[in-house]
Amino acid sequence: MKITYLCLRPPLDPTQAATGNQVRDAGLCNELRRRGHDVVQLAPISAQPGDAGKGPAKFSHTLALHLAANKPDAIVVGYWTLLGDLPETNT
């Protein structure tokens, strides 16, 4: 199953301190992958250096492009505020 997991922060980076949400997200995604699912994590805050503060404004657009291109079987939302970034559907 193709799963898109929406989370508040980018995946864990061993060179940086982690938040509790990142630890939870990593555990959930690792278990889903262990069970054979294809999981992509998306976060409004980019993991790229120098992108701090740029991510949230464009996240809705990035998410819409990802969903259209990848057509996941499921979307898992790790934090309720991210629901507002999901594109509207006519179904």
N, C-alpha and C. Protein backbone atom coordinates (compact mmCIF):
# COMPACT_ATOMS: atom_id res chain seq x y z
N MET A 1 0.84 -1.17 0.00
CA MET A 1 0.00 0.00 0.00
C MET A 1 0.89 1.24 0.00
N LYS A 2 0.54 2.21 -0.82
CA LYS A 2 1.24 3.50 -0.85
C LYS A 2 0.60 4.44 0.16
N ILE A 3 1.41 4.89 1.11
CA ILE A 3 0.90 5.75 2.18
C ILE A 3 1.67 7.06 2.20
N THR A 4 0.95 8.16 2.27
CA THR A 4 1.56 9.47 2.51
C THR A 4 1.28 9.82 3.96
N TYR A 5 2.36 10.09 4.69
CA TYR A 5 2.24 10.42 6.12
C TYR A 5 2.58 11.90 6.29
N LEU A 6 1.60 12.67 6.75
CA LEU A 6 1.80 14.10 6.98
C LEU A 6 2.21 14.32 8.42
N CYS A 7 3.34 14.99 8.60
CA CYS A 7 3.85 15.22 9.95
C CYS A 7 4.31 16.67 10.08
N LEU A 8 4.52 17.11 11.30
CA LEU A 8 4.88 18.49 11.55
C LEU A 8 6.34 18.81 11.22
N ARG A 9 7.20 17.87 11.39
CA ARG A 9 8.63 18.08 11.19
C ARG A 9 9.18 17.06 10.20
N PRO A 10 10.31 17.37 9.57
CA PRO A 10 10.92 16.40 8.65
C PRO A 10 11.36 15.15 9.41
N PRO A 11 11.66 14.07 8.68
CA PRO A 11 12.12 12.84 9.33
C PRO A 11 13.34 13.08 10.21
N LEU A 12 13.55 12.16 11.14
CA LEU A 12 14.68 12.26 12.06
C LEU A 12 15.99 12.47 11.30
N ASP A 13 16.82 13.33 11.86
CA ASP A 13 18.15 13.58 11.32
C ASP A 13 19.12 13.30 12.47
N PRO A 14 20.00 12.30 12.31
CA PRO A 14 20.89 11.93 13.42
C PRO A 14 21.86 13.05 13.84
N THR A 15 21.97 14.10 13.03
CA THR A 15 22.89 15.20 13.37
C THR A 15 22.19 16.31 14.16
N GLN A 16 20.87 16.17 14.37
CA GLN A 16 20.13 17.23 15.06
C GLN A 16 19.28 16.64 16.19
N ALA A 17 18.94 17.50 17.13
CA ALA A 17 18.05 17.09 18.21
C ALA A 17 16.68 16.77 17.62
N ALA A 18 15.98 15.83 18.22
CA ALA A 18 14.67 15.40 17.71
C ALA A 18 13.56 15.84 18.65
N THR A 19 12.40 16.08 18.07
CA THR A 19 11.21 16.37 18.87
C THR A 19 10.50 15.05 19.18
N GLY A 20 9.60 15.09 20.13
CA GLY A 20 8.81 13.90 20.45
C GLY A 20 7.98 13.45 19.26
N ASN A 21 7.45 14.43 18.52
CA ASN A 21 6.67 14.09 17.32
C ASN A 21 7.54 13.37 16.30
N GLN A 22 8.77 13.79 16.12
CA GLN A 22 9.66 13.13 15.16
C GLN A 22 9.93 11.69 15.56
N VAL A 23 10.11 11.45 16.85
CA VAL A 23 10.35 10.09 17.33
C VAL A 23 9.12 9.22 17.08
N ARG A 24 7.94 9.75 17.39
CA ARG A 24 6.69 9.02 17.14
C ARG A 24 6.51 8.75 15.65
N ASP A 25 6.73 9.77 14.82
CA ASP A 25 6.59 9.62 13.37
C ASP A 25 7.53 8.55 12.84
N ALA A 26 8.77 8.57 13.30
CA ALA A 26 9.76 7.58 12.84
C ALA A 26 9.32 6.17 13.21
N GLY A 27 8.85 5.99 14.44
CA GLY A 27 8.40 4.67 14.87
C GLY A 27 7.23 4.16 14.04
N LEU A 28 6.26 5.02 13.80
CA LEU A 28 5.09 4.63 13.02
C LEU A 28 5.48 4.30 11.58
N CYS A 29 6.26 5.17 10.96
CA CYS A 29 6.67 4.95 9.56
C CYS A 29 7.55 3.71 9.42
N ASN A 30 8.47 3.50 10.37
CA ASN A 30 9.32 2.31 10.32
C ASN A 30 8.50 1.03 10.43
N GLU A 31 7.50 1.04 11.29
CA GLU A 31 6.66 -0.15 11.44
C GLU A 31 5.82 -0.40 10.19
N LEU A 32 5.29 0.66 9.60
CA LEU A 32 4.54 0.49 8.36
C LEU A 32 5.43 -0.06 7.25
N ARG A 33 6.64 0.44 7.16
CA ARG A 33 7.59 -0.07 6.14
C ARG A 33 7.95 -1.52 6.43
N ARG A 34 8.15 -1.85 7.69
CA ARG A 34 8.48 -3.22 8.06
C ARG A 34 7.38 -4.18 7.63
N ARG A 35 6.16 -3.70 7.63
CA ARG A 35 5.01 -4.52 7.23
C ARG A 35 4.75 -4.48 5.72
N GLY A 36 5.69 -3.88 4.98
CA GLY A 36 5.62 -3.93 3.52
C GLY A 36 4.98 -2.75 2.82
N HIS A 37 4.66 -1.69 3.56
CA HIS A 37 4.04 -0.53 2.94
C HIS A 37 5.11 0.44 2.42
N ASP A 38 4.76 1.17 1.38
CA ASP A 38 5.62 2.22 0.83
C ASP A 38 5.16 3.53 1.46
N VAL A 39 6.00 4.11 2.32
CA VAL A 39 5.60 5.30 3.08
C VAL A 39 6.46 6.50 2.68
N VAL A 40 5.79 7.62 2.40
CA VAL A 40 6.46 8.89 2.13
C VAL A 40 6.02 9.86 3.22
N GLN A 41 7.01 10.46 3.90
CA GLN A 41 6.72 11.47 4.91
C GLN A 41 6.80 12.85 4.28
N LEU A 42 5.81 13.68 4.55
CA LEU A 42 5.82 15.07 4.10
C LEU A 42 5.59 15.96 5.31
N ALA A 43 6.36 17.05 5.36
CA ALA A 43 6.22 17.99 6.46
C ALA A 43 6.26 19.41 5.92
N PRO A 44 5.54 20.34 6.56
CA PRO A 44 5.55 21.72 6.09
C PRO A 44 6.87 22.44 6.31
N ILE A 45 7.71 21.90 7.15
CA ILE A 45 9.02 22.50 7.39
C ILE A 45 10.06 21.65 6.69
N SER A 46 10.74 22.24 5.77
CA SER A 46 11.70 21.52 4.95
C SER A 46 12.90 21.06 5.75
N ALA A 47 13.47 19.96 5.33
CA ALA A 47 14.69 19.44 5.95
C ALA A 47 15.92 20.07 5.34
N GLN A 48 15.74 20.88 4.30
CA GLN A 48 16.88 21.47 3.62
C GLN A 48 17.41 22.68 4.39
N PRO A 49 18.74 22.78 4.55
CA PRO A 49 19.31 23.95 5.23
C PRO A 49 18.92 25.23 4.50
N GLY A 50 18.61 26.26 5.25
CA GLY A 50 18.28 27.55 4.66
C GLY A 50 16.81 27.69 4.30
N ASP A 51 16.02 26.64 4.45
CA ASP A 51 14.61 26.70 4.10
C ASP A 51 13.71 27.00 5.29
N ALA A 52 14.30 27.23 6.44
CA ALA A 52 13.49 27.48 7.64
C ALA A 52 12.56 28.66 7.39
N GLY A 53 11.31 28.47 7.69
CA GLY A 53 10.32 29.52 7.55
C GLY A 53 9.68 29.60 6.17
N LYS A 54 10.22 28.93 5.18
CA LYS A 54 9.67 28.97 3.83
C LYS A 54 8.63 27.89 3.61
N GLY A 55 8.76 26.77 4.31
CA GLY A 55 7.94 25.60 4.03
C GLY A 55 6.45 25.75 4.20
N PRO A 56 5.95 26.23 5.35
CA PRO A 56 4.51 26.21 5.58
C PRO A 56 3.69 26.95 4.53
N ALA A 57 4.18 28.06 4.00
CA ALA A 57 3.41 28.84 3.03
C ALA A 57 3.17 28.07 1.74
N LYS A 58 4.06 27.19 1.39
CA LYS A 58 3.95 26.45 0.13
C LYS A 58 3.54 25.00 0.33
N PHE A 59 3.29 24.59 1.56
CA PHE A 59 3.03 23.18 1.83
C PHE A 59 1.76 22.68 1.15
N SER A 60 0.70 23.47 1.14
CA SER A 60 -0.54 23.04 0.49
C SER A 60 -0.31 22.73 -0.98
N HIS A 61 0.47 23.58 -1.64
CA HIS A 61 0.77 23.38 -3.06
C HIS A 61 1.64 22.14 -3.25
N THR A 62 2.68 22.00 -2.44
CA THR A 62 3.57 20.83 -2.52
C THR A 62 2.78 19.54 -2.27
N LEU A 63 1.90 19.58 -1.28
CA LEU A 63 1.09 18.41 -0.96
C LEU A 63 0.15 18.06 -2.12
N ALA A 64 -0.50 19.05 -2.70
CA ALA A 64 -1.40 18.79 -3.82
C ALA A 64 -0.65 18.16 -4.99
N LEU A 65 0.55 18.67 -5.29
CA LEU A 65 1.35 18.10 -6.37
C LEU A 65 1.75 16.66 -6.06
N HIS A 66 2.16 16.40 -4.82
CA HIS A 66 2.55 15.05 -4.41
C HIS A 66 1.39 14.08 -4.56
N LEU A 67 0.22 14.48 -4.07
CA LEU A 67 -0.94 13.59 -4.11
C LEU A 67 -1.37 13.30 -5.55
N ALA A 68 -1.33 14.31 -6.40
CA ALA A 68 -1.71 14.12 -7.80
C ALA A 68 -0.73 13.20 -8.52
N ALA A 69 0.55 13.36 -8.23
CA ALA A 69 1.58 12.57 -8.91
C ALA A 69 1.68 11.14 -8.39
N ASN A 70 1.48 10.96 -7.09
CA ASN A 70 1.73 9.65 -6.47
C ASN A 70 0.48 8.84 -6.18
N LYS A 71 -0.65 9.50 -6.09
CA LYS A 71 -1.93 8.83 -5.84
C LYS A 71 -1.83 7.76 -4.73
N PRO A 72 -1.54 8.20 -3.50
CA PRO A 72 -1.42 7.23 -2.41
C PRO A 72 -2.75 6.53 -2.13
N ASP A 73 -2.65 5.32 -1.61
CA ASP A 73 -3.84 4.56 -1.22
C ASP A 73 -4.42 5.09 0.09
N ALA A 74 -3.55 5.68 0.92
CA ALA A 74 -3.99 6.21 2.21
C ALA A 74 -3.17 7.44 2.56
N ILE A 75 -3.80 8.35 3.28
CA ILE A 75 -3.12 9.53 3.83
C ILE A 75 -3.27 9.45 5.33
N VAL A 76 -2.16 9.42 6.03
CA VAL A 76 -2.17 9.39 7.49
C VAL A 76 -1.74 10.78 7.95
N VAL A 77 -2.54 11.40 8.80
CA VAL A 77 -2.25 12.75 9.27
C VAL A 77 -1.76 12.66 10.71
N GLY A 78 -0.51 13.04 10.93
CA GLY A 78 0.10 12.92 12.24
C GLY A 78 -0.30 14.00 13.23
N TYR A 79 -0.87 15.10 12.74
CA TYR A 79 -1.28 16.17 13.64
C TYR A 79 -2.45 16.90 12.99
N TRP A 80 -3.50 17.14 13.71
CA TRP A 80 -4.77 17.62 13.16
C TRP A 80 -4.67 18.92 12.38
N THR A 81 -3.75 19.81 12.73
CA THR A 81 -3.66 21.10 12.03
C THR A 81 -3.28 20.92 10.56
N LEU A 82 -2.69 19.79 10.21
CA LEU A 82 -2.29 19.54 8.83
C LEU A 82 -3.49 19.20 7.94
N LEU A 83 -4.64 18.93 8.53
CA LEU A 83 -5.84 18.65 7.73
C LEU A 83 -6.19 19.84 6.83
N GLY A 84 -5.91 21.03 7.27
CA GLY A 84 -6.22 22.22 6.48
C GLY A 84 -5.38 22.35 5.23
N ASP A 85 -4.29 21.60 5.13
CA ASP A 85 -3.44 21.65 3.95
C ASP A 85 -3.87 20.67 2.85
N LEU A 86 -4.79 19.76 3.19
CA LEU A 86 -5.25 18.81 2.19
C LEU A 86 -6.10 19.52 1.14
N PRO A 87 -5.90 19.18 -0.13
CA PRO A 87 -6.72 19.81 -1.16
C PRO A 87 -8.17 19.34 -1.04
N GLU A 88 -9.09 20.20 -1.47
CA GLU A 88 -10.51 19.82 -1.45
C GLU A 88 -10.78 18.85 -2.59
N THR A 89 -11.74 17.97 -2.38
CA THR A 89 -12.12 17.03 -3.42
C THR A 89 -13.60 17.20 -3.73
N ASN A 90 -14.01 16.71 -4.86
CA ASN A 90 -15.42 16.80 -5.26
C ASN A 90 -16.14 15.49 -5.09
N THR A 91 -15.62 14.60 -4.24
CA THR A 91 -16.25 13.30 -4.07
C THR A 91 -17.11 13.28 -2.83
